[in-house]
């Protein structure tokens, strides 16, 4: 099965040796997104809620570039530097997703790239 590299200017460009997403068949592996503004490659202004929204916006842009949407995400991984922000992730996630929700994990981490408070990655199944 061939691999297709997914790339869009509507999400931050890779800041390392990775692709924004890789599509294999109908499965798309979405790389981790932090709250970078695509046009400036700077962290989004505002607090944690703004960061969470920016991450979902970035994931959505990559999902659309792959031919899908957040509705096609079957697995979402959330990384937080402060797990007390997890209820806010749930609140914001309800604005971007509807039932059936994807499977999900939430992990507390010591730090994230560029001082981000949140990062998310996921797996998308097209046509699901």
C-alpha atoms as a PDB file:
ATOM      1  CA  UNK A   1       0.000   0.000   0.000  1.00  0.00           C
ATOM      2  CA  UNK A   2       1.406   3.389  -0.931  1.00  0.00           C
ATOM      3  CA  UNK A   3       1.885   6.313   1.431  1.00  0.00           C
ATOM      4  CA  UNK A   4       0.805   9.858   0.664  1.00  0.00           C
ATOM      5  CA  UNK A   5       2.307  12.792   2.523  1.00  0.00           C
ATOM      6  CA  UNK A   6      -0.325  15.360   3.501  1.00  0.00           C
ATOM      7  CA  UNK A   7       0.665  19.017   3.579  1.00  0.00           C
ATOM      8  CA  UNK A   8      -1.235  22.278   3.903  1.00  0.00           C
ATOM      9  CA  UNK A   9      -0.364  25.931   4.438  1.00  0.00           C
ATOM     10  CA  UNK A  10      -3.508  26.251   6.590  1.00  0.00           C
ATOM     11  CA  UNK A  11      -1.707  24.501   9.472  1.00  0.00           C
ATOM     12  CA  UNK A  12       1.762  25.134  10.910  1.00  0.00           C
ATOM     13  CA  UNK A  13       4.619  23.740   8.873  1.00  0.00           C
ATOM     14  CA  UNK A  14       6.588  20.902  10.438  1.00  0.00           C
ATOM     15  CA  UNK A  15       9.227  22.209  12.842  1.00  0.00           C
ATOM     16  CA  UNK A  16      11.209  18.993  12.719  1.00  0.00           C
ATOM     17  CA  UNK A  17      11.742  15.821  10.762  1.00  0.00           C
ATOM     18  CA  UNK A  18       8.107  14.821  10.308  1.00  0.00           C
ATOM     19  CA  UNK A  19       5.106  15.342   8.020  1.00  0.00           C
ATOM     20  CA  UNK A  20       1.858  17.060   8.994  1.00  0.00           C
ATOM     21  CA  UNK A  21       0.117  13.768   8.223  1.00  0.00           C
ATOM     22  CA  UNK A  22       0.654  10.522   6.364  1.00  0.00           C
ATOM     23  CA  UNK A  23      -2.150   8.753   4.509  1.00  0.00           C
ATOM     24  CA  UNK A  24      -1.981   4.976   4.039  1.00  0.00           C
ATOM     25  CA  UNK A  25      -5.024   3.630   2.251  1.00  0.00           C
ATOM     26  CA  UNK A  26      -8.039   5.174   4.019  1.00  0.00           C
ATOM     27  CA  UNK A  27      -6.136   5.751   7.273  1.00  0.00           C
ATOM     28  CA  UNK A  28      -4.534   9.127   8.000  1.00  0.00           C
ATOM     29  CA  UNK A  29      -2.024   9.570  10.814  1.00  0.00           C
ATOM     30  CA  UNK A  30      -2.150  13.178  12.032  1.00  0.00           C
ATOM     31  CA  UNK A  31       1.071  14.451  13.572  1.00  0.00           C
ATOM     32  CA  UNK A  32       0.994  16.335  16.830  1.00  0.00           C
ATOM     33  CA  UNK A  33      -0.213  19.911  16.608  1.00  0.00           C
ATOM     34  CA  UNK A  34       0.656  22.610  19.090  1.00  0.00           C
ATOM     35  CA  UNK A  35      -1.009  26.049  19.160  1.00  0.00           C
ATOM     36  CA  UNK A  36       1.099  27.682  16.473  1.00  0.00           C
ATOM     37  CA  UNK A  37      -0.556  30.200  14.158  1.00  0.00           C
ATOM     38  CA  UNK A  38       0.193  28.942  10.612  1.00  0.00           C
ATOM     39  CA  UNK A  39       0.832  32.379   9.108  1.00  0.00           C
ATOM     40  CA  UNK A  40       3.375  33.464  11.731  1.00  0.00           C
ATOM     41  CA  UNK A  41       4.572  30.168  13.231  1.00  0.00           C
ATOM     42  CA  UNK A  42       4.221  31.883  16.627  1.00  0.00           C
ATOM     43  CA  UNK A  43       2.231  30.630  19.604  1.00  0.00           C
ATOM     44  CA  UNK A  44      -1.374  31.796  19.620  1.00  0.00           C
ATOM     45  CA  UNK A  45      -2.166  34.715  21.893  1.00  0.00           C
ATOM     46  CA  UNK A  46      -4.392  34.138  24.898  1.00  0.00           C
ATOM     47  CA  UNK A  47      -4.661  31.498  27.544  1.00  0.00           C
ATOM     48  CA  UNK A  48      -5.149  27.768  27.535  1.00  0.00           C
ATOM     49  CA  UNK A  49      -8.622  27.911  25.941  1.00  0.00           C
ATOM     50  CA  UNK A  50      -7.205  29.814  22.960  1.00  0.00           C
ATOM     51  CA  UNK A  51      -4.397  27.249  22.727  1.00  0.00           C
ATOM     52  CA  UNK A  52      -6.845  24.339  22.725  1.00  0.00           C
ATOM     53  CA  UNK A  53      -8.959  25.992  20.006  1.00  0.00           C
ATOM     54  CA  UNK A  54      -5.882  26.676  17.876  1.00  0.00           C
ATOM     55  CA  UNK A  55      -4.790  23.040  18.148  1.00  0.00           C
ATOM     56  CA  UNK A  56      -8.229  21.836  17.011  1.00  0.00           C
ATOM     57  CA  UNK A  57      -8.175  24.381  14.154  1.00  0.00           C
ATOM     58  CA  UNK A  58      -4.745  23.098  13.087  1.00  0.00           C
ATOM     59  CA  UNK A  59      -5.846  19.465  13.232  1.00  0.00           C
ATOM     60  CA  UNK A  60      -8.976  20.343  11.252  1.00  0.00           C
ATOM     61  CA  UNK A  61      -6.902  22.009   8.513  1.00  0.00           C
ATOM     62  CA  UNK A  62      -4.692  18.940   8.131  1.00  0.00           C
ATOM     63  CA  UNK A  63      -7.726  16.630   8.203  1.00  0.00           C
ATOM     64  CA  UNK A  64      -9.335  18.651   5.401  1.00  0.00           C
ATOM     65  CA  UNK A  65      -6.115  18.580   3.368  1.00  0.00           C
ATOM     66  CA  UNK A  66      -6.244  14.793   3.629  1.00  0.00           C
ATOM     67  CA  UNK A  67      -9.805  14.728   2.302  1.00  0.00           C
ATOM     68  CA  UNK A  68     -11.624  14.367   5.607  1.00  0.00           C
ATOM     69  CA  UNK A  69     -12.745  16.283   8.659  1.00  0.00           C
ATOM     70  CA  UNK A  70     -12.567  16.012  12.424  1.00  0.00           C
ATOM     71  CA  UNK A  71     -15.680  13.815  12.172  1.00  0.00           C
ATOM     72  CA  UNK A  72     -13.397  11.163  10.638  1.00  0.00           C
ATOM     73  CA  UNK A  73     -11.010  11.106  13.625  1.00  0.00           C
ATOM     74  CA  UNK A  74     -11.236   7.705  15.326  1.00  0.00           C
ATOM     75  CA  UNK A  75      -8.441   8.193  17.903  1.00  0.00           C
ATOM     76  CA  UNK A  76      -7.270  11.407  19.546  1.00  0.00           C
ATOM     77  CA  UNK A  77      -4.322  11.790  21.909  1.00  0.00           C
ATOM     78  CA  UNK A  78      -4.178  14.868  24.140  1.00  0.00           C
ATOM     79  CA  UNK A  79      -0.986  15.938  25.898  1.00  0.00           C
ATOM     80  CA  UNK A  80      -1.262  18.567  28.646  1.00  0.00           C
ATOM     81  CA  UNK A  81       1.380  20.161  30.828  1.00  0.00           C
ATOM     82  CA  UNK A  82      -1.341  20.640  33.473  1.00  0.00           C
ATOM     83  CA  UNK A  83      -4.049  17.989  33.741  1.00  0.00           C
ATOM     84  CA  UNK A  84      -6.307  20.388  35.631  1.00  0.00           C
ATOM     85  CA  UNK A  85      -7.019  21.816  32.143  1.00  0.00           C
ATOM     86  CA  UNK A  86      -8.606  18.537  31.032  1.00  0.00           C
ATOM     87  CA  UNK A  87     -12.212  19.679  31.752  1.00  0.00           C
ATOM     88  CA  UNK A  88     -11.579  22.648  29.439  1.00  0.00           C
ATOM     89  CA  UNK A  89     -10.386  20.248  26.719  1.00  0.00           C
ATOM     90  CA  UNK A  90     -13.729  18.424  27.062  1.00  0.00           C
ATOM     91  CA  UNK A  91     -15.648  21.701  26.864  1.00  0.00           C
ATOM     92  CA  UNK A  92     -13.827  22.941  23.754  1.00  0.00           C
ATOM     93  CA  UNK A  93     -13.824  19.502  22.135  1.00  0.00           C
ATOM     94  CA  UNK A  94     -17.641  19.507  22.260  1.00  0.00           C
ATOM     95  CA  UNK A  95     -17.541  22.554  19.953  1.00  0.00           C
ATOM     96  CA  UNK A  96     -15.486  20.685  17.333  1.00  0.00           C
ATOM     97  CA  UNK A  97     -16.826  17.111  17.596  1.00  0.00           C
ATOM     98  CA  UNK A  98     -20.235  15.502  17.836  1.00  0.00           C
ATOM     99  CA  UNK A  99     -21.229  11.964  18.742  1.00  0.00           C
ATOM    100  CA  UNK A 100     -19.970   9.396  18.156  1.00  0.00           C
ATOM    101  CA  UNK A 101     -16.798  10.798  19.708  1.00  0.00           C
ATOM    102  CA  UNK A 102     -13.401   9.337  18.873  1.00  0.00           C
ATOM    103  CA  UNK A 103     -11.473   7.119  21.260  1.00  0.00           C
ATOM    104  CA  UNK A 104      -9.152   9.329  23.278  1.00  0.00           C
ATOM    105  CA  UNK A 105      -6.256   9.390  25.704  1.00  0.00           C
ATOM    106  CA  UNK A 106      -5.120  12.278  27.882  1.00  0.00           C
ATOM    107  CA  UNK A 107      -1.561  12.340  29.152  1.00  0.00           C
ATOM    108  CA  UNK A 108       0.131  14.724  31.548  1.00  0.00           C
ATOM    109  CA  UNK A 109       3.604  15.696  30.367  1.00  0.00           C
ATOM    110  CA  UNK A 110       6.410  17.781  31.856  1.00  0.00           C
ATOM    111  CA  UNK A 111       6.819  20.011  28.810  1.00  0.00           C
ATOM    112  CA  UNK A 112       5.902  20.425  25.150  1.00  0.00           C
ATOM    113  CA  UNK A 113       7.644  22.054  22.165  1.00  0.00           C
ATOM    114  CA  UNK A 114       7.861  25.848  22.166  1.00  0.00           C
ATOM    115  CA  UNK A 115       6.408  26.039  25.680  1.00  0.00           C
ATOM    116  CA  UNK A 116       2.930  24.935  24.546  1.00  0.00           C
ATOM    117  CA  UNK A 117       0.461  23.891  27.235  1.00  0.00           C
ATOM    118  CA  UNK A 118      -1.330  21.421  24.923  1.00  0.00           C
ATOM    119  CA  UNK A 119      -0.555  19.167  21.957  1.00  0.00           C
ATOM    120  CA  UNK A 120      -2.807  16.706  20.144  1.00  0.00           C
ATOM    121  CA  UNK A 121      -2.352  14.048  17.489  1.00  0.00           C
ATOM    122  CA  UNK A 122      -4.731  11.513  16.067  1.00  0.00           C
ATOM    123  CA  UNK A 123      -5.743   8.861  13.599  1.00  0.00           C
ATOM    124  CA  UNK A 124      -8.409   9.448  11.003  1.00  0.00           C
ATOM    125  CA  UNK A 125     -10.291   6.841   8.981  1.00  0.00           C
ATOM    126  CA  UNK A 126     -11.690   8.269   5.753  1.00  0.00           C
ATOM    127  CA  UNK A 127     -15.168   7.183   4.788  1.00  0.00           C
ATOM    128  CA  UNK A 128     -16.000   6.071   8.334  1.00  0.00           C
END
